[in-house]
Amino acid sequence: QVQLVESGGGLVQAGGSLRLSCAASGRSLHMGWFRQAPGKEREFVAGITWPVLSTYYGDSVKGRFTISRDNAKNTVYLQMNNLKPEDTAVYYCAAGSRTISVYSPNYWGQGTQVTVSS
């Protein structure tokens, strides 16, 4: 069983930055982030593969967000820069045995709120 624990959400002004963290217990997997804003469907944000550390992003965050991974800590980070009000959402860490943007993740974190004020 894999458990995912997120941290790092909060309130920030537009143009600011936040960094989310997701610590995973258990074996190493493909990992990444999704988000869901009120009244909207869950949206893929970013992913990083395992063991080859390839990264990929949703179109709405390309050039602003960066995903990275600390293998020793089995932790994934999402650096979010130039945040916009439309980035406001609950952000969920996800992990799976296959690429999470294509296949449904096997595991989900509890979610962390990110609010961007204008």
Protein backbone atom coordinates (compact mmCIF):
# COMPACT_ATOMS: atom_id res chain seq x y z
CA GLN A 1 0.00 0.00 0.00
CA VAL A 2 1.26 3.47 -0.90
CA GLN A 3 0.36 6.55 1.11
CA LEU A 4 0.77 10.08 -0.20
CA VAL A 5 1.07 13.07 2.14
CA GLU A 6 0.90 16.56 0.63
CA SER A 7 1.98 19.87 2.07
CA GLY A 8 2.69 23.41 0.96
CA GLY A 9 -0.65 24.85 -0.08
CA GLY A 10 -1.85 28.27 0.99
CA LEU A 11 -2.90 31.75 -0.03
CA VAL A 12 -0.76 33.82 -2.37
CA GLN A 13 -1.22 36.93 -4.48
CA ALA A 14 -1.28 36.76 -8.23
CA GLY A 15 2.24 36.64 -9.63
CA GLY A 16 3.55 34.90 -6.53
CA SER A 17 4.98 31.45 -6.00
CA LEU A 18 4.27 28.34 -3.96
CA ARG A 19 5.91 24.94 -3.69
CA LEU A 20 3.90 21.80 -3.03
CA SER A 21 5.44 18.62 -1.66
CA CYS A 22 4.20 15.04 -1.75
CA ALA A 23 5.93 12.39 0.31
CA ALA A 24 5.22 8.81 -0.69
CA SER A 25 5.57 5.72 1.47
CA GLY A 26 6.22 2.37 -0.06
CA ARG A 27 7.59 1.61 -3.51
CA SER A 28 8.55 4.15 -6.16
CA LEU A 29 5.95 4.89 -8.82
CA HIS A 30 5.05 7.35 -11.52
CA MET A 31 3.89 10.45 -9.67
CA GLY A 32 2.34 13.82 -10.31
CA TRP A 33 -0.34 16.36 -9.58
CA PHE A 34 -3.94 17.01 -10.50
CA ARG A 35 -6.16 19.88 -9.43
CA GLN A 36 -9.86 20.53 -9.09
CA ALA A 37 -11.52 23.92 -8.87
CA PRO A 38 -15.08 24.37 -7.57
CA GLY A 39 -17.62 23.32 -10.16
CA LYS A 40 -14.97 21.99 -12.54
CA GLU A 41 -13.62 18.57 -13.46
CA ARG A 42 -10.33 17.31 -12.10
CA GLU A 43 -7.48 18.48 -14.35
CA PHE A 44 -4.04 17.00 -14.92
CA VAL A 45 -1.27 19.44 -13.92
CA ALA A 46 2.13 17.73 -14.09
CA GLY A 47 3.76 14.31 -13.94
CA ILE A 48 7.15 12.66 -13.57
CA THR A 49 7.91 9.12 -14.58
CA TRP A 50 9.91 6.39 -12.81
CA PRO A 51 12.68 5.23 -13.08
CA VAL A 52 13.45 7.45 -16.05
CA LEU A 53 12.66 10.93 -14.76
CA SER A 54 10.74 12.37 -17.65
CA THR A 55 8.44 15.30 -16.93
CA TYR A 56 5.27 16.43 -18.65
CA TYR A 57 2.72 19.18 -18.05
CA GLY A 58 -0.82 20.27 -18.70
CA ASP A 59 -1.09 23.06 -21.25
CA SER A 60 -2.38 25.60 -18.74
CA VAL A 61 0.73 25.43 -16.56
CA LYS A 62 3.56 24.94 -19.08
CA GLY A 63 6.34 27.44 -18.53
CA ARG A 64 5.12 28.36 -15.04
CA PHE A 65 5.15 25.12 -13.05
CA THR A 66 8.03 22.70 -12.57
CA ILE A 67 7.81 19.18 -11.20
CA SER A 68 10.81 17.49 -9.66
CA ARG A 69 11.64 14.45 -7.59
CA ASP A 70 13.97 13.57 -4.71
CA ASN A 71 14.46 9.85 -5.03
CA ALA A 72 16.21 9.48 -1.69
CA LYS A 73 13.15 10.92 0.07
CA ASN A 74 10.61 9.46 -2.37
CA THR A 75 9.15 12.95 -2.54
CA VAL A 76 7.80 14.92 -5.47
CA TYR A 77 7.69 18.70 -5.61
CA LEU A 78 5.63 21.11 -7.66
CA GLN A 79 7.16 24.57 -7.94
CA MET A 80 4.46 27.00 -9.03
CA ASN A 81 5.55 30.42 -10.29
CA ASN A 82 3.65 33.36 -11.73
CA LEU A 83 0.45 32.09 -10.15
CA LYS A 84 -2.86 33.29 -11.52
CA PRO A 85 -6.31 33.42 -9.91
CA GLU A 86 -7.40 30.62 -12.25
CA ASP A 87 -4.82 28.36 -10.58
CA THR A 88 -6.99 28.37 -7.46
CA ALA A 89 -7.98 24.78 -6.74
CA VAL A 90 -7.44 21.81 -4.50
CA TYR A 91 -4.25 20.14 -5.65
CA TYR A 92 -3.98 16.37 -5.37
CA CYS A 93 -0.85 14.29 -5.45
CA ALA A 94 -1.24 11.07 -7.41
CA ALA A 95 0.83 7.95 -8.04
CA GLY A 96 0.53 4.91 -10.20
CA SER A 97 2.27 2.05 -11.91
CA ARG A 98 1.82 3.69 -15.32
CA THR A 99 1.97 7.24 -16.68
CA ILE A 100 -0.64 9.10 -14.67
CA SER A 101 -1.71 11.51 -17.39
CA VAL A 102 -2.79 8.56 -19.52
CA TYR A 103 -3.88 5.93 -17.01
CA SER A 104 -5.88 6.51 -13.85
CA PRO A 105 -3.57 6.76 -10.83
CA ASN A 106 -3.70 3.96 -8.30
CA TYR A 107 -3.20 6.23 -5.30
CA TRP A 108 -4.29 9.73 -4.29
CA GLY A 109 -3.32 12.18 -1.58
CA GLN A 110 -5.83 14.01 0.57
CA GLY A 111 -5.48 17.29 -1.33
CA THR A 112 -4.11 20.70 -0.43
CA GLN A 113 -5.81 24.04 -1.10
CA VAL A 114 -4.10 26.66 -3.23
CA THR A 115 -5.78 30.06 -3.39
CA VAL A 116 -4.48 32.85 -5.62
CA SER A 117 -5.91 36.30 -4.97
CA SER A 118 -6.09 38.97 -7.66
